[in-house]
């Protein structure tokens, strides 16, 4: 029995050895025939692999049925080699200069990636447009490591606070914006669909040309430029709805009275609120027995399915002597609170870039002319003091004459101690205090 088991083990081992082929070879550089150290040699479709040694040599066992090796190395193009029937191979890798030859924008112009030693970050305009945001900085929040971007307010159309390197010596942390070569532009005035790329210069070496203004970093914005060839027309647009993800749970009228009485007691007052004096007896009894829970002011002022829309048209074209790019956009956004006088934001932009060659000789441009024109018109209505209005109504437990209006009267109206009637959008609002 023992001899039989040994025989079976020997057969299985021989089958395993037969099922694998050992392939040896070398990996060299195609430009100077020098060995490539640390090149990855993988069996395609498996996790089996090895790296080349100091002489570019490797030896790898390849399972039966696998006839392709994948050889790769940093800075070289990946190559697949068929090893059918070959036990010794020689692989020549070609340099992959595409990535190293990519240009990035720096303070002094553009340089190849392989020559840049400073900290730079580039975001393409196509990646920004995919996110369907009303502003470029809103899109940068998810695509720019190293940047701290916080919206100044949740109101529609509000700007952003951008921090690259912390608080600078100028007692400010705002970076310098350079739009199409002009320093000091407003990035919030641009529609994301008009942007070709955004480059962030983080370190001092990259933005030294701008001097003290660049102490907090530089954000370079390049808008879409004209191209030679047939005229091209593109449209980018979307329409969406906005809603509150989660609302807090508020006290009802009875619970609020109990809490306020407890606060009054904890402050050392012997007499609590006389709630019946603030309202009719029938309403007070309804609050107490639960038939009337009061007004949920957050829900009353909530703007459900607040619309947001953006439309942008870009036209580019030109020839060898003249190129142009024209962009027109419209943006509209409503706030999710403040109904029926909710915050609204509207923006219309017009952008025109053109380049013209006035005189050239021997394929060299001698005199050129170009311009970049940006026009932006925006209107912004900002709902204010909602918190004060809600607090005033809660204290007086007043049921609004019109639930759609009374929570949104202006601060000056509430301050008025006398009875006052105000007409908002043709609806009568009665206030008393």
Protein backbone atom coordinates (compact mmCIF):
# COMPACT_ATOMS: atom_id res chain seq x y z
CA UNK A 1 0.00 0.00 0.00
CA UNK A 2 2.84 2.33 0.88
CA UNK A 3 4.49 1.74 -2.49
CA UNK A 4 1.23 2.56 -4.28
CA UNK A 5 0.90 5.88 -2.43
CA UNK A 6 4.48 6.85 -3.26
CA UNK A 7 3.86 6.01 -6.91
CA UNK A 8 0.76 8.23 -7.01
CA UNK A 9 2.61 11.13 -5.40
CA UNK A 10 5.42 10.81 -7.94
CA UNK A 11 2.93 10.80 -10.82
CA UNK A 12 1.16 13.91 -9.50
CA UNK A 13 4.46 15.73 -9.05
CA UNK A 14 5.54 14.89 -12.58
CA UNK A 15 2.20 16.09 -13.91
CA UNK A 16 2.63 19.37 -12.04
CA UNK A 17 6.12 19.82 -13.44
CA UNK A 18 4.94 19.06 -16.94
CA UNK A 19 2.06 21.57 -16.52
CA UNK A 20 4.49 24.45 -16.05
CA UNK A 21 7.07 25.88 -18.43
CA UNK A 22 10.01 27.97 -17.27
CA UNK A 23 10.63 31.05 -19.40
CA UNK A 24 13.77 33.11 -19.05
CA UNK A 25 14.65 36.33 -20.77
CA UNK A 26 15.86 39.89 -20.56
CA UNK A 27 14.28 43.33 -20.76
CA UNK A 28 16.22 46.14 -22.42
CA UNK A 29 15.69 49.80 -23.33
CA UNK A 30 14.90 50.24 -27.01
CA UNK A 31 16.77 53.55 -27.26
CA UNK A 32 20.22 52.48 -25.99
CA UNK A 33 19.94 48.69 -25.41
CA UNK A 34 20.68 49.07 -21.69
CA UNK A 35 19.04 46.61 -19.27
CA UNK A 36 15.88 47.80 -17.49
CA UNK A 37 16.02 47.13 -13.77
CA UNK A 38 12.78 46.30 -11.93
CA UNK A 39 10.60 45.76 -14.99
CA UNK A 40 7.39 43.91 -14.17
CA UNK A 41 6.87 40.58 -15.97
CA UNK A 42 3.37 39.16 -15.45
CA UNK A 43 1.53 36.14 -16.85
CA UNK A 44 -1.55 37.62 -18.50
CA UNK A 45 -4.77 36.63 -16.81
CA UNK A 46 -3.05 35.57 -13.56
CA UNK A 47 -1.36 37.10 -10.54
CA UNK A 48 1.92 35.32 -11.29
CA UNK A 49 4.80 37.63 -11.95
CA UNK A 50 8.36 38.69 -11.23
CA UNK A 51 10.63 41.70 -11.70
CA UNK A 52 13.84 41.89 -13.68
CA UNK A 53 17.15 41.95 -11.81
CA UNK A 54 20.05 44.39 -12.01
CA UNK A 55 21.00 42.96 -15.39
CA UNK A 56 17.44 43.09 -16.71
CA UNK A 57 17.18 39.28 -16.50
CA UNK A 58 14.17 37.28 -15.29
CA UNK A 59 13.02 33.68 -14.93
CA UNK A 60 9.35 32.80 -14.58
CA UNK A 61 7.32 29.60 -14.43
CA UNK A 62 4.32 29.86 -16.74
CA UNK A 63 1.30 27.53 -16.29
CA UNK A 64 0.26 25.40 -19.25
CA UNK A 65 -2.28 27.13 -21.46
CA UNK A 66 -0.91 30.59 -20.70
CA UNK A 67 1.04 31.91 -23.65
CA UNK A 68 1.22 35.66 -23.06
CA UNK A 69 3.50 37.73 -20.83
CA UNK A 70 2.84 41.39 -19.98
CA UNK A 71 6.00 43.44 -19.49
CA UNK A 72 5.80 46.99 -18.11
CA UNK A 73 7.99 49.58 -16.43
CA UNK A 74 7.61 53.20 -15.38
CA UNK A 75 8.33 55.50 -18.30
CA UNK A 76 7.93 52.75 -20.92
CA UNK A 77 5.04 51.50 -23.00
CA UNK A 78 3.51 48.24 -21.79
CA UNK A 79 4.17 45.32 -24.12
CA UNK A 80 2.55 41.89 -24.47
CA UNK A 81 4.74 39.02 -25.72
CA UNK A 82 3.54 35.67 -27.07
CA UNK A 83 5.77 32.88 -25.72
CA UNK A 84 4.26 29.89 -27.52
CA UNK A 85 7.09 27.34 -27.84
CA UNK A 86 9.73 29.83 -26.62
CA UNK A 87 11.70 29.28 -23.45
CA UNK A 88 14.10 32.19 -23.92
CA UNK A 89 12.87 35.64 -24.97
CA UNK A 90 14.28 39.13 -25.32
CA UNK A 91 11.95 42.07 -24.77
CA UNK A 92 12.65 45.59 -25.96
CA UNK A 93 10.56 48.36 -24.38
CA UNK A 94 9.98 51.72 -26.03
CA UNK A 95 9.91 54.93 -23.97
CA UNK A 96 6.47 56.36 -23.21
CA UNK A 97 7.03 60.09 -23.50
CA UNK A 98 3.40 61.08 -23.76
CA UNK A 99 2.84 61.56 -20.05
CA UNK A 100 6.20 63.21 -19.48
CA UNK A 101 5.67 65.55 -22.41
CA UNK A 102 2.29 66.81 -21.13
CA UNK A 103 2.44 70.52 -20.44
CA UNK A 104 1.26 72.13 -17.24
CA UNK A 105 0.68 75.82 -16.57
CA UNK A 106 3.02 77.60 -14.18
CA UNK A 107 3.48 81.23 -13.29
CA UNK A 108 5.91 81.90 -16.13
CA UNK A 109 3.90 80.12 -18.83
CA UNK A 110 3.85 76.40 -19.58
CA UNK A 111 6.39 73.66 -19.00
CA UNK A 112 6.62 69.95 -19.53
CA UNK A 113 5.59 67.82 -16.60
CA UNK A 114 8.99 66.20 -16.30
CA UNK A 115 10.60 69.64 -15.82
CA UNK A 116 8.21 70.89 -13.15
CA UNK A 117 9.49 70.60 -9.59
CA UNK A 118 6.86 72.79 -7.94
CA UNK A 119 3.50 71.74 -6.51
CA UNK A 120 0.88 72.21 -9.22
CA UNK A 121 -2.60 70.83 -9.74
CA UNK A 122 -4.60 70.84 -12.96
CA UNK A 123 -8.34 70.21 -13.36
CA UNK A 124 -9.76 69.91 -16.85
CA UNK A 125 -12.86 71.83 -17.82
CA UNK A 126 -14.59 68.66 -19.00
CA UNK A 127 -14.32 67.21 -15.48
CA UNK A 128 -15.80 70.40 -14.02
CA UNK A 129 -18.74 70.47 -16.45
CA UNK A 130 -19.67 66.86 -15.64
CA UNK A 131 -20.61 67.78 -12.06
CA UNK A 132 -23.41 70.18 -13.12
CA UNK A 133 -22.66 72.95 -10.62
CA UNK A 134 -23.50 76.65 -10.77
CA UNK A 135 -19.91 77.68 -10.02
CA UNK A 136 -16.42 76.45 -10.79
CA UNK A 137 -15.31 76.44 -7.15
CA UNK A 138 -18.26 74.25 -6.24
CA UNK A 139 -16.95 71.61 -8.65
CA UNK A 140 -13.37 71.97 -7.40
CA UNK A 141 -14.39 70.84 -3.91
CA UNK A 142 -14.28 67.19 -4.95
CA UNK A 143 -11.37 67.33 -7.41
CA UNK A 144 -8.63 69.39 -5.79
CA UNK A 145 -6.59 67.73 -3.03
CA UNK A 146 -4.78 70.25 -0.90
CA UNK A 147 -7.43 72.95 -1.29
CA UNK A 148 -9.82 73.87 1.48
CA UNK A 149 -12.96 75.22 -0.19
CA UNK A 150 -15.91 76.28 1.98
CA UNK A 151 -19.02 78.08 0.78
CA UNK A 152 -19.52 81.44 2.50
CA UNK A 153 -23.25 80.83 2.89
CA UNK A 154 -25.85 78.29 1.84
CA UNK A 155 -27.73 81.03 0.01
CA UNK A 156 -27.83 80.52 -3.78
CA UNK A 157 -25.13 82.39 -5.65
CA UNK A 158 -22.88 82.94 -2.65
CA UNK A 159 -19.12 82.80 -3.11
CA UNK A 160 -16.53 80.48 -1.59
CA UNK A 161 -13.61 80.81 0.78
CA UNK A 162 -10.54 79.13 -0.71
CA UNK A 163 -7.53 78.29 1.44
CA UNK A 164 -4.37 76.83 -0.09
CA UNK A 165 -1.61 77.51 2.43
CA UNK A 166 -3.33 78.87 5.51
CA UNK A 167 -3.33 82.45 6.76
CA UNK A 168 -0.66 84.47 4.96
CA UNK A 169 1.43 87.44 6.01
CA UNK A 170 -1.11 89.76 4.37
CA UNK A 171 -3.61 88.76 7.07
CA UNK A 172 -5.63 86.98 4.40
CA UNK A 173 -5.87 83.46 3.00
CA UNK A 174 -7.54 84.21 -0.36
CA UNK A 175 -5.45 83.11 -3.36
CA UNK A 176 -4.78 85.25 -6.40
CA UNK A 177 -7.04 84.50 -9.36
CA UNK A 178 -5.60 84.93 -12.84
CA UNK A 179 -8.19 84.54 -15.63
CA UNK A 180 -6.78 84.31 -19.15
CA UNK A 181 -3.64 86.11 -18.03
CA UNK A 182 -5.41 88.97 -16.22
CA UNK A 183 -4.78 89.00 -12.47
CA UNK A 184 -7.53 89.81 -10.02
CA UNK A 185 -10.52 88.37 -11.89
CA UNK A 186 -13.66 86.92 -10.29
CA UNK A 187 -13.95 83.18 -10.84
CA UNK A 188 -17.55 83.27 -9.60
CA UNK A 189 -18.46 85.33 -12.69
CA UNK A 190 -17.58 82.43 -15.00
CA UNK A 191 -19.91 79.66 -16.04
CA UNK A 192 -18.27 76.22 -15.56
CA UNK A 193 -19.07 75.37 -19.19
CA UNK A 194 -16.78 78.21 -20.36
CA UNK A 195 -13.69 76.89 -18.57
CA UNK A 196 -11.02 74.97 -20.45
CA UNK A 197 -8.82 74.20 -17.44
CA UNK A 198 -7.95 75.37 -13.93
CA UNK A 199 -4.39 75.20 -12.63
CA UNK A 200 -3.57 75.64 -8.95
CA UNK A 201 -0.06 76.82 -8.09
CA UNK A 202 0.60 75.90 -4.48
CA UNK A 203 4.27 76.51 -3.77
CA UNK A 204 6.33 79.70 -3.91
CA UNK A 205 8.49 78.54 -6.81
CA UNK A 206 5.53 78.11 -9.15
CA UNK A 207 3.97 81.51 -8.52
CA UNK A 208 7.01 83.68 -7.75
CA UNK A 209 6.38 85.87 -10.79
CA UNK A 210 3.27 87.35 -9.16
CA UNK A 211 5.18 88.58 -6.13
CA UNK A 212 3.52 89.35 -2.80
CA UNK A 213 0.04 89.02 -4.31
CA UNK A 214 0.67 85.28 -4.66
CA UNK A 215 1.56 84.75 -1.01
CA UNK A 216 -1.54 82.59 -0.60
CA UNK A 217 -1.16 80.69 -3.87
CA UNK A 218 -2.42 81.28 -7.39
CA UNK A 219 -5.39 79.85 -9.28
CA UNK A 220 -5.00 80.14 -13.05
CA UNK A 221 -8.20 79.89 -15.09
CA UNK A 222 -8.10 79.35 -18.83
CA UNK A 223 -11.36 79.80 -20.71
CA UNK A 224 -12.17 78.05 -23.96
CA UNK A 225 -10.23 79.36 -26.95
CA UNK A 226 -10.92 79.43 -30.68
CA UNK A 227 -9.68 76.63 -32.95
CA UNK A 228 -8.92 76.45 -36.64
CA UNK A 229 -11.32 74.49 -38.79
CA UNK A 230 -15.04 74.26 -39.25
CA UNK A 231 -17.25 76.22 -36.91
CA UNK A 232 -18.37 74.12 -33.96
CA UNK A 233 -21.48 74.72 -31.85
CA UNK A 234 -21.93 72.93 -28.52
CA UNK A 235 -24.70 73.06 -25.93
CA UNK A 236 -24.49 72.08 -22.28
CA UNK A 237 -27.56 72.24 -20.07
CA UNK A 238 -29.40 70.63 -17.21
CA UNK A 239 -32.49 71.07 -15.07
CA UNK A 240 -32.80 69.67 -11.56
CA UNK A 241 -34.58 69.87 -8.23
CA UNK A 242 -33.23 70.53 -4.75
CA UNK A 243 -34.66 69.30 -1.46
CA UNK A 244 -33.66 69.18 2.19
CA UNK A 245 -32.04 65.85 3.03
CA UNK A 246 -33.29 65.83 6.63
CA UNK A 247 -35.23 68.30 8.76
CA UNK A 248 -34.85 68.52 12.56
CA UNK A 249 -37.76 67.48 14.77
CA UNK A 250 -39.37 70.55 16.34
CA UNK A 251 -41.46 70.94 19.46
CA UNK A 252 -45.20 71.31 19.00
CA UNK A 253 -47.08 74.21 20.59
CA UNK A 254 -47.81 72.41 23.88
CA UNK A 255 -44.24 71.15 24.26
CA UNK A 256 -42.89 74.61 23.54
CA UNK A 257 -45.05 76.13 26.26
CA UNK A 258 -43.83 73.54 28.76
CA UNK A 259 -40.19 74.15 27.87
CA UNK A 260 -40.53 77.92 28.12
CA UNK A 261 -42.28 77.60 31.50
CA UNK A 262 -39.42 75.40 32.71
CA UNK A 263 -36.87 77.96 31.50
CA UNK A 264 -38.75 80.68 33.33
CA UNK A 265 -38.75 78.59 36.53
CA UNK A 266 -35.03 77.80 36.25
CA UNK A 267 -34.30 81.52 35.95
CA UNK A 268 -35.85 82.04 39.38
CA UNK A 269 -39.14 83.54 38.32
CA UNK A 270 -42.11 82.75 40.50
CA UNK A 271 -44.62 83.47 37.76
CA UNK A 272 -44.57 81.64 34.45
CA UNK A 273 -46.09 82.70 31.15
CA UNK A 274 -49.82 83.34 31.05
CA UNK A 275 -50.30 81.60 27.72
CA UNK A 276 -54.07 82.19 27.63
CA UNK A 277 -53.45 85.91 27.37
CA UNK A 278 -51.55 85.40 24.09
CA UNK A 279 -54.33 83.61 22.25
CA UNK A 280 -58.05 82.82 22.23
CA UNK A 281 -59.22 80.26 24.79
CA UNK A 282 -60.36 77.84 22.07
CA UNK A 283 -56.91 77.78 20.51
CA UNK A 284 -55.20 77.28 23.87
CA UNK A 285 -57.47 74.32 24.64
CA UNK A 286 -56.77 72.85 21.20
CA UNK A 287 -53.03 73.06 21.90
CA UNK A 288 -53.47 71.39 25.27
CA UNK A 289 -55.66 68.47 24.10
CA UNK A 290 -53.51 67.86 20.97
CA UNK A 291 -56.14 68.63 18.33
CA UNK A 292 -53.93 71.50 17.16
CA UNK A 293 -50.17 70.92 17.28
CA UNK A 294 -49.27 74.41 16.14
CA UNK A 295 -47.29 75.51 13.09
CA UNK A 296 -44.08 73.83 11.94
CA UNK A 297 -42.34 76.94 10.71
CA UNK A 298 -39.49 75.10 9.01
CA UNK A 299 -41.95 73.08 6.97
CA UNK A 300 -44.05 76.16 6.27
CA UNK A 301 -41.12 78.06 4.79
CA UNK A 302 -39.62 75.07 2.98
CA UNK A 303 -39.39 75.39 -0.79
CA UNK A 304 -39.95 71.84 -2.00
CA UNK A 305 -38.36 70.77 -5.28
CA UNK A 306 -36.49 74.06 -5.59
CA UNK A 307 -35.44 74.25 -9.26
CA UNK A 308 -31.90 74.72 -10.51
CA UNK A 309 -31.06 75.09 -14.17
CA UNK A 310 -28.12 76.01 -16.36
CA UNK A 311 -27.87 76.48 -20.12
CA UNK A 312 -24.64 77.25 -22.00
CA UNK A 313 -23.88 77.57 -25.72
CA UNK A 314 -20.31 77.68 -27.03
CA UNK A 315 -19.35 78.53 -30.61
CA UNK A 316 -15.76 78.11 -31.83
CA UNK A 317 -14.17 78.39 -35.24
CA UNK A 318 -11.61 80.17 -37.39
CA UNK A 319 -8.73 79.64 -39.79
CA UNK A 320 -4.97 79.99 -39.80
CA UNK A 321 -5.19 83.77 -39.52
CA UNK A 322 -8.12 84.28 -37.16
CA UNK A 323 -9.77 82.23 -34.40
CA UNK A 324 -12.67 82.96 -32.10
CA UNK A 325 -14.66 81.44 -29.24
CA UNK A 326 -18.05 82.75 -28.12
CA UNK A 327 -19.93 81.53 -25.06
CA UNK A 328 -23.36 82.53 -23.73
CA UNK A 329 -24.86 81.05 -20.58
CA UNK A 330 -27.83 81.44 -18.24
CA UNK A 331 -28.07 80.10 -14.67
CA UNK A 332 -31.05 80.13 -12.30
CA UNK A 333 -31.29 78.68 -8.80
CA UNK A 334 -33.86 78.94 -6.01
CA UNK A 335 -33.18 78.44 -2.32
CA UNK A 336 -34.67 75.51 -0.42
CA UNK A 337 -36.07 77.76 2.35
CA UNK A 338 -38.01 81.02 2.44
CA UNK A 339 -41.14 80.17 0.43
CA UNK A 340 -42.83 82.10 -1.10
CA UNK A 341 -40.13 84.80 -1.04
CA UNK A 342 -37.25 82.32 -1.16
CA UNK A 343 -33.74 83.26 -2.13
CA UNK A 344 -33.16 83.32 -5.87
CA UNK A 345 -30.05 83.66 -8.00
CA UNK A 346 -29.89 84.47 -11.70
CA UNK A 347 -26.76 84.92 -13.79
CA UNK A 348 -26.22 85.67 -17.46
CA UNK A 349 -22.72 85.59 -18.92
CA UNK A 350 -21.26 86.39 -22.33
CA UNK A 351 -17.65 85.54 -23.18
CA UNK A 352 -15.70 86.33 -26.36
CA UNK A 353 -12.11 85.24 -27.03
CA UNK A 354 -10.40 85.85 -30.35
CA UNK A 355 -6.87 85.83 -31.79
CA UNK A 356 -5.87 87.42 -35.09
CA UNK A 357 -2.62 87.41 -37.03
CA UNK A 358 -2.09 90.83 -38.59
CA UNK A 359 1.22 90.15 -40.28
CA UNK A 360 3.35 87.04 -40.70
CA UNK A 361 6.39 86.08 -42.74
CA UNK A 362 8.39 82.90 -43.18
CA UNK A 363 5.82 81.01 -41.11
CA UNK A 364 6.44 83.34 -38.19
CA UNK A 365 3.77 85.53 -36.60
CA UNK A 366 5.12 89.06 -36.51
CA UNK A 367 2.07 91.07 -35.41
CA UNK A 368 -0.83 89.46 -33.58
CA UNK A 369 -3.92 90.86 -31.91
CA UNK A 370 -6.38 89.28 -29.53
CA UNK A 371 -8.86 90.06 -26.81
CA UNK A 372 -10.78 88.40 -24.02
CA UNK A 373 -14.14 89.95 -23.15
CA UNK A 374 -16.26 88.73 -20.25
CA UNK A 375 -19.67 90.15 -19.40
CA UNK A 376 -21.71 89.00 -16.42
CA UNK A 377 -25.05 90.21 -15.10
CA UNK A 378 -26.52 88.67 -11.99
CA UNK A 379 -29.44 89.30 -9.69
CA UNK A 380 -29.61 87.84 -6.23
CA UNK A 381 -32.46 88.04 -3.76
CA UNK A 382 -31.41 86.91 -0.32
CA UNK A 383 -33.96 85.93 2.30
CA UNK A 384 -32.92 87.38 5.65
CA UNK A 385 -33.79 87.12 9.32
CA UNK A 386 -35.97 84.02 8.98
CA UNK A 387 -34.69 82.80 12.34
CA UNK A 388 -35.87 85.99 14.08
CA UNK A 389 -39.29 85.75 12.42
CA UNK A 390 -39.74 82.13 13.47
CA UNK A 391 -38.70 82.92 17.05
CA UNK A 392 -41.12 85.84 17.25
CA UNK A 393 -44.02 83.70 16.07
CA UNK A 394 -43.15 80.86 18.41
CA UNK A 395 -43.11 83.14 21.43
CA UNK A 396 -46.51 84.50 20.57
CA UNK A 397 -47.84 81.12 19.33
CA UNK A 398 -49.63 82.98 16.58
CA UNK A 399 -51.36 81.04 13.83
CA UNK A 400 -50.54 82.86 10.59
CA UNK A 401 -53.29 84.48 8.58
CA UNK A 402 -51.61 82.93 5.55
CA UNK A 403 -49.10 80.17 6.33
CA UNK A 404 -47.30 80.77 3.05
CA UNK A 405 -46.53 84.39 3.85
CA UNK A 406 -46.42 85.29 7.51
CA UNK A 407 -43.21 83.40 8.33
CA UNK A 408 -41.32 85.56 5.85
CA UNK A 409 -42.19 89.14 6.72
CA UNK A 410 -39.20 91.42 6.97
CA UNK A 411 -37.36 92.24 10.16
CA UNK A 412 -38.48 95.88 10.13
CA UNK A 413 -42.14 94.80 10.10
CA UNK A 414 -41.69 92.60 13.16
CA UNK A 415 -39.94 95.39 15.06
CA UNK A 416 -42.96 97.63 14.65
CA UNK A 417 -44.81 97.65 17.98
CA UNK A 418 -48.05 98.81 16.39
CA UNK A 419 -50.57 96.83 14.43
CA UNK A 420 -49.53 96.76 10.78
CA UNK A 421 -50.80 95.28 7.55
CA UNK A 422 -48.37 94.41 4.74
CA UNK A 423 -49.15 93.27 1.25
CA UNK A 424 -46.72 90.66 -0.17
CA UNK A 425 -47.31 89.54 -3.73
CA UNK A 426 -50.97 90.55 -3.44
CA UNK A 427 -51.56 88.55 -0.20
CA UNK A 428 -52.65 90.28 2.98
CA UNK A 429 -50.53 89.72 6.08
CA UNK A 430 -51.67 90.84 9.52
CA UNK A 431 -49.12 91.36 12.29
CA UNK A 432 -49.64 92.26 15.88
CA UNK A 433 -47.44 92.35 18.89
